[in-house]
Amino acid sequence: MPTSFGRSTTLFGAGGGGSAGGSTSQWVSSAAMIPRVTAGPGVNSSESSAQDSNYDTLDFDGVNAEGATFTFALPNNWNLGTIKAIFVFTNDSGSGTVTWTLAARCPVDGEAIDSAFGTAQSVTKTCGDPLDWNITAETPAITVAGTPAANRPTQFLVTRDPSSDNLAVDARLIGLILLWNQ
């Protein structure tokens, strides 16, 4: 399997289902995300001490705003409306809150790659004990910039906003769950 930064490039696990008119979810691993060249998070692979459970993370700084992107084509069952996200992360030490943001854009053929994302929406979570799973609530509704369409690449920008949180150490993003309506 191809790798990037020594990490698997398997992008997505099995998505959740839903009946017509319901909602659908999709897991996006941090291994599928590309750190920005300018102000990107660190790339890390870890193993738990007792059970040897392995996990990849993007380590977002507690002082500087950092970001990463990933691209996903929302499927035919997307109603072209807003989306939401749930973030899954851990931290090695310390306690406090972490604020995650997500923005999105759906380009059309011939559009510049360097086009604006939609307005980012954020969610804040108080960390549990170090090396615990932290799972946020859903973000508010995120409007996808550009011309949303099913089966077209949609680019997402994940950031940590340390100016809005108070965890002084890296917040280690394991992944996120995208949610959309059918």
N, C-alpha and C. Protein backbone atom coordinates (compact mmCIF):
# COMPACT_ATOMS: atom_id res chain seq x y z
N MET A 1 0.85 -1.17 0.00
CA MET A 1 0.00 0.00 0.00
C MET A 1 0.89 1.24 0.00
N PRO A 2 0.60 2.26 -0.83
CA PRO A 2 1.42 3.46 -0.85
C PRO A 2 1.37 4.17 0.50
N THR A 3 2.43 4.87 0.81
CA THR A 3 2.44 5.62 2.06
C THR A 3 2.86 7.05 1.81
N SER A 4 2.51 7.90 2.76
CA SER A 4 2.89 9.30 2.74
C SER A 4 3.36 9.64 4.14
N PHE A 5 4.56 10.16 4.29
CA PHE A 5 5.12 10.45 5.60
C PHE A 5 5.17 9.20 6.45
N GLY A 6 5.30 8.01 5.83
CA GLY A 6 5.35 6.78 6.57
C GLY A 6 3.98 6.35 7.07
N ARG A 7 2.92 6.99 6.58
CA ARG A 7 1.57 6.69 7.04
C ARG A 7 0.76 6.11 5.90
N SER A 8 -0.18 5.29 6.24
CA SER A 8 -1.05 4.68 5.25
C SER A 8 -1.85 5.76 4.53
N THR A 9 -2.06 5.57 3.23
CA THR A 9 -2.88 6.53 2.50
C THR A 9 -4.32 6.03 2.35
N THR A 10 -4.70 5.02 3.09
CA THR A 10 -6.09 4.62 3.10
C THR A 10 -6.88 5.79 3.68
N LEU A 11 -7.76 6.33 2.88
CA LEU A 11 -8.38 7.58 3.27
C LEU A 11 -9.56 7.42 4.21
N PHE A 12 -10.44 6.51 3.94
CA PHE A 12 -11.69 6.50 4.68
C PHE A 12 -12.06 5.08 5.04
N GLY A 13 -12.63 4.93 6.21
CA GLY A 13 -13.20 3.64 6.62
C GLY A 13 -14.59 3.54 6.05
N ALA A 14 -15.31 2.50 6.43
CA ALA A 14 -16.67 2.32 5.95
C ALA A 14 -17.55 3.45 6.47
N GLY A 15 -18.34 4.01 5.60
CA GLY A 15 -19.26 5.07 6.00
C GLY A 15 -20.51 4.49 6.62
N GLY A 16 -21.14 5.31 7.43
CA GLY A 16 -22.41 4.89 8.02
C GLY A 16 -23.50 4.97 6.99
N GLY A 17 -24.54 4.27 7.21
CA GLY A 17 -25.64 4.27 6.26
C GLY A 17 -26.75 5.17 6.73
N GLY A 18 -27.83 5.10 6.06
CA GLY A 18 -29.00 5.86 6.43
C GLY A 18 -30.03 5.70 5.34
N SER A 19 -31.26 5.83 5.69
CA SER A 19 -32.31 5.71 4.69
C SER A 19 -32.44 7.02 3.95
N ALA A 20 -33.12 6.98 2.82
CA ALA A 20 -33.31 8.19 2.02
C ALA A 20 -33.92 9.27 2.90
N GLY A 21 -33.38 10.45 2.84
CA GLY A 21 -33.87 11.56 3.63
C GLY A 21 -33.22 11.65 4.99
N GLY A 22 -32.45 10.65 5.39
CA GLY A 22 -31.77 10.66 6.68
C GLY A 22 -30.40 11.27 6.57
N SER A 23 -29.57 10.96 7.55
CA SER A 23 -28.21 11.49 7.53
C SER A 23 -27.21 10.36 7.31
N THR A 24 -26.05 10.72 6.85
CA THR A 24 -24.97 9.78 6.57
C THR A 24 -23.71 10.33 7.21
N SER A 25 -22.82 9.43 7.61
CA SER A 25 -21.56 9.86 8.19
C SER A 25 -20.40 9.14 7.53
N GLN A 26 -19.22 9.73 7.64
CA GLN A 26 -18.02 9.16 7.04
C GLN A 26 -16.83 9.47 7.93
N TRP A 27 -16.08 8.45 8.34
CA TRP A 27 -14.85 8.62 9.11
C TRP A 27 -13.75 9.12 8.19
N VAL A 28 -12.97 10.10 8.64
CA VAL A 28 -11.80 10.60 7.91
C VAL A 28 -10.62 10.56 8.88
N SER A 29 -9.69 9.67 8.64
CA SER A 29 -8.52 9.51 9.50
C SER A 29 -7.55 10.67 9.30
N SER A 30 -6.80 11.01 10.36
CA SER A 30 -5.77 12.04 10.21
C SER A 30 -4.73 11.63 9.17
N ALA A 31 -4.58 10.31 8.93
CA ALA A 31 -3.64 9.84 7.92
C ALA A 31 -4.05 10.28 6.51
N ALA A 32 -5.31 10.66 6.33
CA ALA A 32 -5.80 11.13 5.03
C ALA A 32 -5.61 12.63 4.85
N MET A 33 -5.15 13.30 5.89
CA MET A 33 -5.03 14.76 5.86
C MET A 33 -3.59 15.16 5.55
N ILE A 34 -3.45 16.24 4.80
CA ILE A 34 -2.14 16.76 4.42
C ILE A 34 -1.86 18.03 5.21
N PRO A 35 -0.83 18.02 6.05
CA PRO A 35 -0.50 19.25 6.78
C PRO A 35 -0.14 20.37 5.82
N ARG A 36 -0.58 21.59 6.14
CA ARG A 36 -0.17 22.73 5.32
C ARG A 36 1.35 22.84 5.36
N VAL A 37 1.95 23.29 4.27
CA VAL A 37 3.39 23.53 4.23
C VAL A 37 3.72 24.71 5.13
N THR A 38 2.88 25.75 5.08
CA THR A 38 3.02 26.89 5.97
C THR A 38 2.09 26.68 7.15
N ALA A 39 2.64 26.56 8.35
CA ALA A 39 1.86 26.40 9.58
C ALA A 39 1.02 25.13 9.58
N GLY A 40 1.69 24.01 9.33
CA GLY A 40 1.02 22.72 9.40
C GLY A 40 1.34 21.99 10.69
N PRO A 41 0.46 21.08 11.11
CA PRO A 41 0.71 20.31 12.32
C PRO A 41 1.79 19.25 12.09
N GLY A 42 2.34 18.75 13.18
CA GLY A 42 3.30 17.65 13.10
C GLY A 42 2.59 16.35 12.77
N VAL A 43 3.31 15.43 12.14
CA VAL A 43 2.80 14.12 11.77
C VAL A 43 3.37 13.11 12.75
N ASN A 44 2.52 12.25 13.30
CA ASN A 44 2.98 11.35 14.34
C ASN A 44 2.26 10.00 14.25
N SER A 45 2.98 8.93 14.57
CA SER A 45 2.39 7.61 14.74
C SER A 45 2.76 7.16 16.15
N SER A 46 1.80 6.61 16.87
CA SER A 46 2.02 6.22 18.26
C SER A 46 1.49 4.82 18.51
N GLU A 47 1.93 4.27 19.64
CA GLU A 47 1.45 2.97 20.09
C GLU A 47 1.18 3.05 21.58
N SER A 48 0.02 2.57 22.01
CA SER A 48 -0.28 2.60 23.44
C SER A 48 0.66 1.64 24.18
N SER A 49 0.90 1.91 25.45
CA SER A 49 1.91 1.16 26.19
C SER A 49 1.47 -0.24 26.59
N ALA A 50 0.23 -0.44 26.97
CA ALA A 50 -0.19 -1.75 27.46
C ALA A 50 -0.74 -2.67 26.37
N GLN A 51 -1.59 -2.14 25.51
CA GLN A 51 -2.27 -2.97 24.51
C GLN A 51 -1.66 -2.88 23.12
N ASP A 52 -0.60 -2.10 22.98
CA ASP A 52 0.07 -1.93 21.69
C ASP A 52 -0.90 -1.51 20.58
N SER A 53 -1.84 -0.63 20.92
CA SER A 53 -2.80 -0.10 19.96
C SER A 53 -2.14 1.05 19.21
N ASN A 54 -2.10 0.94 17.90
CA ASN A 54 -1.44 1.96 17.07
C ASN A 54 -2.44 2.98 16.56
N TYR A 55 -1.98 4.23 16.46
CA TYR A 55 -2.83 5.28 15.92
C TYR A 55 -1.96 6.40 15.35
N ASP A 56 -2.43 6.98 14.24
CA ASP A 56 -1.78 8.12 13.61
C ASP A 56 -2.45 9.39 14.10
N THR A 57 -1.67 10.45 14.24
CA THR A 57 -2.23 11.74 14.63
C THR A 57 -1.57 12.86 13.84
N LEU A 58 -2.26 13.97 13.77
CA LEU A 58 -1.68 15.24 13.38
C LEU A 58 -1.65 16.05 14.66
N ASP A 59 -0.48 16.54 15.04
CA ASP A 59 -0.28 17.20 16.32
C ASP A 59 -0.32 18.72 16.14
N PHE A 60 -1.45 19.31 16.54
CA PHE A 60 -1.71 20.73 16.38
C PHE A 60 -1.21 21.48 17.61
N ASP A 61 -0.40 22.49 17.38
CA ASP A 61 0.28 23.27 18.40
C ASP A 61 -0.70 24.01 19.32
N GLY A 62 -0.27 24.24 20.56
CA GLY A 62 -1.08 24.96 21.53
C GLY A 62 -0.88 26.46 21.49
N VAL A 63 0.03 26.95 20.64
CA VAL A 63 0.31 28.38 20.57
C VAL A 63 -0.03 28.94 19.19
N ASN A 64 0.44 28.28 18.14
CA ASN A 64 0.27 28.78 16.77
C ASN A 64 -0.88 28.07 16.07
N ALA A 65 -1.66 28.82 15.30
CA ALA A 65 -2.75 28.23 14.52
C ALA A 65 -2.13 27.39 13.40
N GLU A 66 -2.53 26.12 13.32
CA GLU A 66 -2.02 25.22 12.30
C GLU A 66 -3.19 24.58 11.57
N GLY A 67 -2.94 24.10 10.34
CA GLY A 67 -4.02 23.52 9.56
C GLY A 67 -3.58 22.40 8.66
N ALA A 68 -4.55 21.60 8.24
CA ALA A 68 -4.34 20.50 7.31
C ALA A 68 -5.58 20.40 6.41
N THR A 69 -5.39 19.84 5.23
CA THR A 69 -6.50 19.68 4.30
C THR A 69 -6.68 18.22 3.91
N PHE A 70 -7.89 17.91 3.46
CA PHE A 70 -8.16 16.63 2.84
C PHE A 70 -9.25 16.87 1.80
N THR A 71 -9.33 15.96 0.84
CA THR A 71 -10.31 16.09 -0.24
C THR A 71 -11.16 14.83 -0.26
N PHE A 72 -12.44 15.01 -0.40
CA PHE A 72 -13.40 13.91 -0.40
C PHE A 72 -14.54 14.28 -1.33
N ALA A 73 -14.95 13.36 -2.17
CA ALA A 73 -16.11 13.59 -3.04
C ALA A 73 -17.35 13.08 -2.31
N LEU A 74 -18.20 14.00 -1.88
CA LEU A 74 -19.44 13.60 -1.22
C LEU A 74 -20.29 12.82 -2.23
N PRO A 75 -20.93 11.75 -1.81
CA PRO A 75 -21.60 10.84 -2.75
C PRO A 75 -22.95 11.36 -3.25
N ASN A 76 -23.53 10.54 -4.13
CA ASN A 76 -24.82 10.89 -4.74
C ASN A 76 -25.92 11.14 -3.73
N ASN A 77 -25.83 10.55 -2.54
CA ASN A 77 -26.92 10.73 -1.58
C ASN A 77 -26.83 12.04 -0.80
N TRP A 78 -25.83 12.87 -1.06
CA TRP A 78 -25.72 14.17 -0.40
C TRP A 78 -26.80 15.10 -0.96
N ASN A 79 -27.53 15.78 -0.09
CA ASN A 79 -28.60 16.68 -0.54
C ASN A 79 -28.08 18.06 -0.96
N LEU A 80 -26.77 18.25 -1.02
CA LEU A 80 -26.09 19.49 -1.42
C LEU A 80 -26.26 20.61 -0.39
N GLY A 81 -26.69 20.25 0.80
CA GLY A 81 -26.85 21.24 1.87
C GLY A 81 -25.60 21.35 2.72
N THR A 82 -25.79 21.83 3.92
CA THR A 82 -24.67 22.01 4.84
C THR A 82 -24.18 20.65 5.36
N ILE A 83 -22.98 20.67 5.92
CA ILE A 83 -22.39 19.49 6.52
C ILE A 83 -22.01 19.84 7.96
N LYS A 84 -21.66 18.83 8.74
CA LYS A 84 -21.18 19.02 10.10
C LYS A 84 -20.01 18.08 10.32
N ALA A 85 -19.31 18.26 11.45
CA ALA A 85 -18.18 17.38 11.76
C ALA A 85 -18.11 17.14 13.26
N ILE A 86 -17.58 15.97 13.60
CA ILE A 86 -17.25 15.60 14.98
C ILE A 86 -15.77 15.27 14.98
N PHE A 87 -15.00 15.90 15.87
CA PHE A 87 -13.55 15.70 15.92
C PHE A 87 -13.19 14.67 17.00
N VAL A 88 -12.19 13.85 16.71
CA VAL A 88 -11.70 12.84 17.65
C VAL A 88 -10.21 13.10 17.85
N PHE A 89 -9.81 13.30 19.12
CA PHE A 89 -8.42 13.67 19.39
C PHE A 89 -7.99 13.18 20.76
N THR A 90 -6.70 13.34 21.04
CA THR A 90 -6.14 13.05 22.35
C THR A 90 -5.09 14.09 22.67
N ASN A 91 -4.51 14.00 23.85
CA ASN A 91 -3.40 14.87 24.24
C ASN A 91 -2.49 14.05 25.16
N ASP A 92 -1.19 14.35 25.11
CA ASP A 92 -0.23 13.59 25.91
C ASP A 92 -0.14 14.04 27.35
N SER A 93 -0.49 15.28 27.62
CA SER A 93 -0.39 15.81 28.97
C SER A 93 -1.28 17.04 29.09
N GLY A 94 -1.36 17.57 30.29
CA GLY A 94 -2.11 18.80 30.50
C GLY A 94 -3.61 18.59 30.53
N SER A 95 -4.29 19.69 30.74
CA SER A 95 -5.75 19.69 30.72
C SER A 95 -6.21 21.04 30.20
N GLY A 96 -7.43 21.11 29.75
CA GLY A 96 -7.97 22.35 29.22
C GLY A 96 -8.94 22.08 28.10
N THR A 97 -9.21 23.11 27.31
CA THR A 97 -10.13 22.99 26.19
C THR A 97 -9.37 23.09 24.87
N VAL A 98 -9.95 22.47 23.84
CA VAL A 98 -9.40 22.54 22.48
C VAL A 98 -10.53 22.97 21.55
N THR A 99 -10.23 23.92 20.66
CA THR A 99 -11.20 24.38 19.67
C THR A 99 -10.75 23.96 18.28
N TRP A 100 -11.59 23.17 17.62
CA TRP A 100 -11.33 22.70 16.25
C TRP A 100 -12.26 23.45 15.30
N THR A 101 -11.78 23.71 14.07
CA THR A 101 -12.63 24.33 13.06
C THR A 101 -12.55 23.53 11.76
N LEU A 102 -13.60 23.63 10.97
CA LEU A 102 -13.63 22.99 9.66
C LEU A 102 -14.30 23.94 8.68
N ALA A 103 -13.69 24.06 7.50
CA ALA A 103 -14.25 24.83 6.40
C ALA A 103 -14.19 23.95 5.15
N ALA A 104 -15.00 24.26 4.13
CA ALA A 104 -15.05 23.43 2.93
C ALA A 104 -15.30 24.27 1.68
N ARG A 105 -14.89 23.69 0.55
CA ARG A 105 -15.19 24.30 -0.75
C ARG A 105 -15.30 23.21 -1.80
N CYS A 106 -16.17 23.43 -2.77
CA CYS A 106 -16.38 22.48 -3.85
C CYS A 106 -16.13 23.22 -5.17
N PRO A 107 -14.98 22.99 -5.79
CA PRO A 107 -14.64 23.73 -7.01
C PRO A 107 -15.35 23.17 -8.25
N VAL A 108 -15.35 23.97 -9.30
CA VAL A 108 -15.83 23.54 -10.61
C VAL A 108 -14.64 23.40 -11.54
N ASP A 109 -14.84 22.73 -12.64
CA ASP A 109 -13.79 22.55 -13.63
C ASP A 109 -13.25 23.91 -14.07
N GLY A 110 -11.93 24.06 -14.06
CA GLY A 110 -11.29 25.29 -14.49
C GLY A 110 -11.11 26.32 -13.41
N GLU A 111 -11.62 26.08 -12.21
CA GLU A 111 -11.49 27.03 -11.10
C GLU A 111 -10.07 26.95 -10.53
N ALA A 112 -9.57 28.06 -10.05
CA ALA A 112 -8.23 28.11 -9.44
C ALA A 112 -8.19 27.25 -8.19
N ILE A 113 -7.09 26.52 -7.99
CA ILE A 113 -6.91 25.72 -6.79
C ILE A 113 -6.90 26.61 -5.56
N ASP A 114 -6.38 27.82 -5.69
CA ASP A 114 -6.25 28.74 -4.56
C ASP A 114 -7.51 29.59 -4.40
N SER A 115 -8.67 28.94 -4.30
CA SER A 115 -9.95 29.63 -4.10
C SER A 115 -10.33 29.60 -2.63
N ALA A 116 -11.19 30.50 -2.24
CA ALA A 116 -11.56 30.63 -0.82
C ALA A 116 -12.44 29.49 -0.34
N PHE A 117 -12.21 29.11 0.92
CA PHE A 117 -13.08 28.16 1.61
C PHE A 117 -14.30 28.91 2.11
N GLY A 118 -15.35 28.18 2.46
CA GLY A 118 -16.51 28.77 3.10
C GLY A 118 -16.15 29.16 4.54
N THR A 119 -17.10 29.74 5.22
CA THR A 119 -16.88 30.17 6.61
C THR A 119 -16.67 28.94 7.50
N ALA A 120 -15.57 28.95 8.23
CA ALA A 120 -15.27 27.85 9.14
C ALA A 120 -16.23 27.87 10.32
N GLN A 121 -16.58 26.69 10.78
CA GLN A 121 -17.38 26.54 11.99
C GLN A 121 -16.53 25.80 13.03
N SER A 122 -16.75 26.10 14.28
CA SER A 122 -15.88 25.53 15.32
C SER A 122 -16.68 24.82 16.39
N VAL A 123 -15.95 23.95 17.11
CA VAL A 123 -16.49 23.24 18.25
C VAL A 123 -15.38 23.15 19.30
N THR A 124 -15.73 23.34 20.56
CA THR A 124 -14.75 23.30 21.65
C THR A 124 -15.07 22.13 22.57
N LYS A 125 -14.02 21.45 23.01
CA LYS A 125 -14.17 20.28 23.88
C LYS A 125 -13.17 20.38 25.03
N THR A 126 -13.63 20.09 26.24
CA THR A 126 -12.73 19.98 27.39
C THR A 126 -12.08 18.60 27.35
N CYS A 127 -10.76 18.57 27.44
CA CYS A 127 -10.02 17.30 27.37
C CYS A 127 -10.27 16.46 28.61
N GLY A 128 -10.30 15.15 28.40
CA GLY A 128 -10.29 14.22 29.51
C GLY A 128 -8.85 14.06 29.99
N ASP A 129 -8.57 12.97 30.65
CA ASP A 129 -7.20 12.69 31.08
C ASP A 129 -6.29 12.52 29.89
N PRO A 130 -4.98 12.79 30.04
CA PRO A 130 -4.04 12.56 28.95
C PRO A 130 -4.16 11.13 28.41
N LEU A 131 -4.03 11.03 27.10
CA LEU A 131 -4.11 9.78 26.34
C LEU A 131 -5.49 9.11 26.40
N ASP A 132 -6.54 9.91 26.69
CA ASP A 132 -7.92 9.45 26.57
C ASP A 132 -8.45 9.83 25.19
N TRP A 133 -9.49 9.13 24.75
CA TRP A 133 -10.22 9.53 23.56
C TRP A 133 -11.06 10.76 23.92
N ASN A 134 -10.99 11.80 23.10
CA ASN A 134 -11.82 12.99 23.25
C ASN A 134 -12.66 13.10 21.99
N ILE A 135 -13.98 13.12 22.15
CA ILE A 135 -14.89 13.17 21.01
C ILE A 135 -15.80 14.38 21.20
N THR A 136 -15.72 15.32 20.27
CA THR A 136 -16.48 16.56 20.39
C THR A 136 -17.96 16.35 20.06
N ALA A 137 -18.73 17.36 20.34
CA ALA A 137 -20.10 17.45 19.82
C ALA A 137 -19.99 17.80 18.33
N GLU A 138 -21.11 17.86 17.66
CA GLU A 138 -21.12 18.27 16.25
C GLU A 138 -20.84 19.76 16.14
N THR A 139 -20.17 20.16 15.06
CA THR A 139 -20.01 21.57 14.76
C THR A 139 -21.37 22.14 14.35
N PRO A 140 -21.51 23.45 14.38
CA PRO A 140 -22.68 24.04 13.71
C PRO A 140 -22.61 23.72 12.21
N ALA A 141 -23.70 23.96 11.52
CA ALA A 141 -23.77 23.67 10.08
C ALA A 141 -22.69 24.44 9.31
N ILE A 142 -22.00 23.74 8.43
CA ILE A 142 -20.92 24.30 7.61
C ILE A 142 -21.42 24.43 6.18
N THR A 143 -21.38 25.63 5.64
CA THR A 143 -21.77 25.86 4.26
C THR A 143 -20.55 25.63 3.38
N VAL A 144 -20.72 24.79 2.36
CA VAL A 144 -19.64 24.48 1.43
C VAL A 144 -19.57 25.60 0.39
N ALA A 145 -18.40 26.25 0.28
CA ALA A 145 -18.21 27.33 -0.69
C ALA A 145 -18.13 26.75 -2.10
N GLY A 146 -18.29 27.61 -3.08
CA GLY A 146 -18.20 27.19 -4.47
C GLY A 146 -19.55 26.73 -4.97
N THR A 147 -19.52 25.68 -5.80
CA THR A 147 -20.73 25.13 -6.38
C THR A 147 -20.85 23.68 -5.93
N PRO A 148 -21.50 23.44 -4.78
CA PRO A 148 -21.60 22.08 -4.27
C PRO A 148 -22.27 21.13 -5.28
N ALA A 149 -21.68 19.96 -5.43
CA ALA A 149 -22.23 18.92 -6.30
C ALA A 149 -21.75 17.57 -5.79
N ALA A 150 -22.62 16.60 -5.89
CA ALA A 150 -22.24 15.24 -5.51
C ALA A 150 -21.19 14.71 -6.48
N ASN A 151 -20.36 13.82 -5.99
CA ASN A 151 -19.31 13.16 -6.79
C ASN A 151 -18.32 14.13 -7.41
N ARG A 152 -18.15 15.29 -6.78
CA ARG A 152 -17.12 16.24 -7.21
C ARG A 152 -16.19 16.42 -6.01
N PRO A 153 -14.87 16.49 -6.25
CA PRO A 153 -13.95 16.68 -5.13
C PRO A 153 -14.33 17.91 -4.31
N THR A 154 -14.41 17.71 -3.01
CA THR A 154 -14.67 18.80 -2.07
C THR A 154 -13.48 18.86 -1.14
N GLN A 155 -12.88 20.03 -1.01
CA GLN A 155 -11.70 20.18 -0.17
C GLN A 155 -12.11 20.73 1.19
N PHE A 156 -11.49 20.19 2.24
CA PHE A 156 -11.80 20.57 3.61
C PHE A 156 -10.53 21.09 4.28
N LEU A 157 -10.68 22.12 5.10
CA LEU A 157 -9.58 22.69 5.87
C LEU A 157 -9.87 22.52 7.35
N VAL A 158 -9.01 21.76 8.03
CA VAL A 158 -9.11 21.51 9.46
C VAL A 158 -8.09 22.39 10.16
N THR A 159 -8.50 23.12 11.18
CA THR A 159 -7.55 23.93 11.94
C THR A 159 -7.85 23.78 13.44
N ARG A 160 -6.83 24.06 14.22
CA ARG A 160 -7.02 24.24 15.65
C ARG A 160 -6.90 25.73 15.90
N ASP A 161 -7.75 26.26 16.75
CA ASP A 161 -7.73 27.69 17.06
C ASP A 161 -7.24 27.88 18.50
N PRO A 162 -5.90 27.89 18.72
CA PRO A 162 -5.40 28.01 20.08
C PRO A 162 -5.73 29.35 20.74
N SER A 163 -6.12 30.35 19.96
CA SER A 163 -6.53 31.63 20.57
C SER A 163 -7.89 31.50 21.25
N SER A 164 -8.63 30.43 20.92
CA SER A 164 -9.94 30.21 21.52
C SER A 164 -9.97 29.05 22.50
N ASP A 165 -8.81 28.41 22.73
CA ASP A 165 -8.78 27.31 23.69
C ASP A 165 -7.65 27.53 24.69
N ASN A 166 -7.48 26.60 25.63
CA ASN A 166 -6.46 26.82 26.65
C ASN A 166 -5.63 25.58 26.98
N LEU A 167 -5.60 24.59 26.08
CA LEU A 167 -4.69 23.46 26.26
C LEU A 167 -3.32 23.92 25.77
N ALA A 168 -2.34 23.94 26.67
CA ALA A 168 -1.03 24.50 26.34
C ALA A 168 -0.16 23.57 25.51
N VAL A 169 -0.54 22.30 25.38
CA VAL A 169 0.28 21.33 24.64
C VAL A 169 -0.41 20.98 23.32
N ASP A 170 0.24 20.14 22.53
CA ASP A 170 -0.35 19.71 21.27
C ASP A 170 -1.67 18.98 21.50
N ALA A 171 -2.64 19.29 20.66
CA ALA A 171 -3.87 18.51 20.56
C ALA A 171 -3.63 17.56 19.39
N ARG A 172 -3.75 16.26 19.63
CA ARG A 172 -3.37 15.24 18.66
C ARG A 172 -4.62 14.70 17.97
N LEU A 173 -4.89 15.23 16.76
CA LEU A 173 -6.09 14.85 16.02
C LEU A 173 -5.94 13.42 15.47
N ILE A 174 -6.88 12.55 15.83
CA ILE A 174 -6.91 11.18 15.33
C ILE A 174 -7.73 11.12 14.04
N GLY A 175 -8.76 11.91 13.96
CA GLY A 175 -9.60 11.97 12.78
C GLY A 175 -10.87 12.74 13.06
N LEU A 176 -11.79 12.69 12.12
CA LEU A 176 -13.09 13.33 12.29
C LEU A 176 -14.15 12.55 11.56
N ILE A 177 -15.38 12.82 11.93
CA ILE A 177 -16.53 12.21 11.28
C ILE A 177 -17.28 13.32 10.55
N LEU A 178 -17.42 13.18 9.23
CA LEU A 178 -18.22 14.11 8.44
C LEU A 178 -19.66 13.63 8.47
N LEU A 179 -20.59 14.57 8.58
CA LEU A 179 -22.02 14.26 8.61
C LEU A 179 -22.73 15.09 7.56
N TRP A 180 -23.63 14.49 6.81
CA TRP A 180 -24.43 15.23 5.84
C TRP A 180 -25.80 14.59 5.71
N ASN A 181 -26.74 15.36 5.20
CA ASN A 181 -28.09 14.86 4.98
C ASN A 181 -28.26 14.37 3.56
N GLN A 182 -29.12 13.37 3.45
CA GLN A 182 -29.41 12.78 2.15
C GLN A 182 -30.56 13.51 1.50
